[in-house]
Amino acid sequence: MYKIVIDTNVLISALRSKKGASFRLLSMVGTEIFDIALSVPLVLEYEAVAKRELKVLGLDSSDIDDILDYLCLAGDKRHIFYLWRPLLRDQKDDMVLELAVESESNWVVTFKKHDFKGCETFGINLATPQEFLHFIGEG
């Protein structure tokens, strides 16, 4: 089974539209197809960004809480004990990379692959949601 880290931009994209690959990927969380890795800092970032975008998303705060609760229930929760910062241009991306390395994830799924240059050093693949779904035979 594949283990992935979902970047915040993919989560927000999934919440904006039910038509795209991001929504399909998010809908598959909790299945036997792949596992997602989570950390407290990443979930807090998910929450902060999603709640900032409530009006655009057409959701309310309790909807976001319910979605995050489900992700936390279904996800592989990890504690990050070491930091390699700074490795990437954005420290929030470093947080995603640290989680991917610690959780031995195969993939980081993001729309900003260029921001994660260097992940391959750790054996981590980068993909957009559509690329990842295609790779696993679901797209």
Protein backbone atom coordinates (compact mmCIF):
# COMPACT_ATOMS: atom_id res chain seq x y z
CA MET A 1 0.00 0.00 0.00
CA TYR A 2 1.20 3.49 -0.78
CA LYS A 3 1.64 6.09 1.91
CA ILE A 4 1.22 9.73 0.93
CA VAL A 5 1.31 13.20 2.40
CA ILE A 6 -1.34 15.52 1.00
CA ASP A 7 -0.21 19.12 0.70
CA THR A 8 -2.60 21.81 1.93
CA ASN A 9 -3.24 23.13 -1.58
CA VAL A 10 -4.68 19.75 -2.58
CA LEU A 11 -7.01 19.65 0.43
CA ILE A 12 -8.29 23.15 -0.31
CA SER A 13 -8.80 22.25 -3.97
CA ALA A 14 -10.84 19.20 -2.92
CA LEU A 15 -13.00 21.36 -0.68
CA ARG A 16 -13.60 23.89 -3.46
CA SER A 17 -14.95 21.47 -6.06
CA LYS A 18 -16.34 17.95 -6.17
CA LYS A 19 -15.36 17.60 -9.83
CA GLY A 20 -11.59 17.31 -9.78
CA ALA A 21 -8.87 14.84 -8.97
CA SER A 22 -8.27 16.46 -5.57
CA PHE A 23 -11.81 15.67 -4.44
CA ARG A 24 -11.53 12.14 -5.77
CA LEU A 25 -8.24 11.66 -3.92
CA LEU A 26 -9.71 13.03 -0.68
CA SER A 27 -12.75 10.78 -1.12
CA MET A 28 -10.45 7.76 -1.21
CA VAL A 29 -8.90 8.48 2.19
CA GLY A 30 -9.67 5.60 4.53
CA THR A 31 -9.80 2.99 1.78
CA GLU A 32 -7.32 0.19 1.31
CA ILE A 33 -5.73 1.94 -1.68
CA PHE A 34 -3.36 4.28 0.16
CA ASP A 35 -2.69 5.70 3.62
CA ILE A 36 -2.17 9.35 4.45
CA ALA A 37 0.39 10.55 6.96
CA LEU A 38 -0.51 13.43 9.27
CA SER A 39 1.25 15.49 11.89
CA VAL A 40 -0.13 18.05 14.32
CA PRO A 41 1.51 20.96 12.45
CA LEU A 42 0.07 19.82 9.12
CA VAL A 43 -3.46 19.37 10.50
CA LEU A 44 -3.24 22.80 12.11
CA GLU A 45 -2.22 24.26 8.76
CA TYR A 46 -5.10 22.45 7.05
CA GLU A 47 -7.46 23.96 9.63
CA ALA A 48 -6.09 27.50 9.46
CA VAL A 49 -6.17 27.70 5.67
CA ALA A 50 -9.57 26.01 5.32
CA LYS A 51 -11.18 28.22 7.93
CA ARG A 52 -9.71 31.32 6.30
CA GLU A 53 -11.42 30.23 3.06
CA LEU A 54 -14.85 29.37 4.52
CA LYS A 55 -16.82 31.78 2.34
CA VAL A 56 -15.08 30.67 -0.86
CA LEU A 57 -15.52 27.01 0.07
CA GLY A 58 -19.19 27.39 0.93
CA LEU A 59 -18.63 25.54 4.20
CA ASP A 60 -18.88 26.45 7.83
CA SER A 61 -16.41 25.93 10.62
CA SER A 62 -18.10 22.74 11.84
CA ASP A 63 -17.86 21.23 8.33
CA ILE A 64 -14.09 21.79 8.39
CA ASP A 65 -13.87 20.30 11.89
CA ASP A 66 -15.77 17.20 10.72
CA ILE A 67 -13.52 16.73 7.67
CA LEU A 68 -10.37 17.14 9.74
CA ASP A 69 -11.71 14.78 12.40
CA TYR A 70 -12.24 12.14 9.73
CA LEU A 71 -8.75 12.67 8.28
CA CYS A 72 -7.28 12.32 11.76
CA LEU A 73 -9.28 9.15 12.35
CA ALA A 74 -8.25 7.60 9.02
CA GLY A 75 -4.70 8.94 8.83
CA ASP A 76 -1.39 7.65 10.15
CA LYS A 77 -0.55 10.18 12.85
CA ARG A 78 3.15 10.90 13.29
CA HIS A 79 5.26 12.90 15.70
CA ILE A 80 8.15 14.80 14.18
CA PHE A 81 11.24 14.65 16.39
CA TYR A 82 13.82 16.11 14.08
CA LEU A 83 14.05 19.01 11.68
CA TRP A 84 16.16 19.50 8.56
CA ARG A 85 15.16 23.07 8.08
CA PRO A 86 15.69 24.88 5.97
CA LEU A 87 15.91 22.49 3.05
CA LEU A 88 13.15 23.83 0.82
CA ARG A 89 12.29 27.43 -0.04
CA ASP A 90 9.20 27.56 2.19
CA GLN A 91 9.31 26.37 5.81
CA LYS A 92 5.73 25.08 5.50
CA ASP A 93 6.94 22.83 2.70
CA ASP A 94 9.79 21.66 4.95
CA MET A 95 7.11 20.59 7.44
CA VAL A 96 5.48 18.44 4.72
CA LEU A 97 8.84 16.95 3.70
CA GLU A 98 9.76 16.13 7.30
CA LEU A 99 6.46 14.29 7.71
CA ALA A 100 6.98 12.40 4.46
CA VAL A 101 10.46 11.28 5.52
CA GLU A 102 9.49 10.35 9.07
CA SER A 103 6.43 8.40 7.94
CA GLU A 104 8.35 6.70 5.12
CA SER A 105 5.79 8.01 2.65
CA ASN A 106 6.25 7.16 -1.02
CA TRP A 107 4.64 10.34 -2.30
CA VAL A 108 3.93 13.98 -1.62
CA VAL A 109 0.79 14.96 -3.52
CA THR A 110 0.83 18.66 -4.35
CA PHE A 111 0.09 21.17 -7.07
CA LYS A 112 3.40 22.89 -6.35
CA LYS A 113 5.91 20.21 -7.27
CA HIS A 114 8.54 22.86 -8.05
CA ASP A 115 8.49 23.88 -4.36
CA PHE A 116 9.59 20.39 -3.34
CA LYS A 117 12.77 20.07 -5.38
CA GLY A 118 15.08 17.92 -3.29
CA CYS A 119 12.46 15.38 -2.15
CA GLU A 120 13.93 12.82 -4.50
CA THR A 121 17.05 12.81 -2.27
CA PHE A 122 14.89 11.07 0.32
CA GLY A 123 13.26 8.68 -2.15
CA ILE A 124 9.99 10.59 -2.15
CA ASN A 125 8.05 11.00 -5.38
CA LEU A 126 6.09 14.12 -6.25
CA ALA A 127 2.76 14.10 -8.06
CA THR A 128 -0.30 16.20 -8.63
CA PRO A 129 -3.54 14.53 -7.55
CA GLN A 130 -4.30 13.53 -11.13
CA GLU A 131 -0.80 12.09 -11.65
CA PHE A 132 -1.03 10.10 -8.43
CA LEU A 133 -4.48 8.74 -9.26
CA HIS A 134 -3.22 7.73 -12.69
CA PHE A 135 -0.18 6.02 -11.11
CA ILE A 136 -2.37 3.92 -8.81
CA GLY A 137 -4.77 3.06 -11.63
CA GLU A 138 -7.62 5.23 -10.40
CA GLY A 139 -7.38 8.14 -12.81
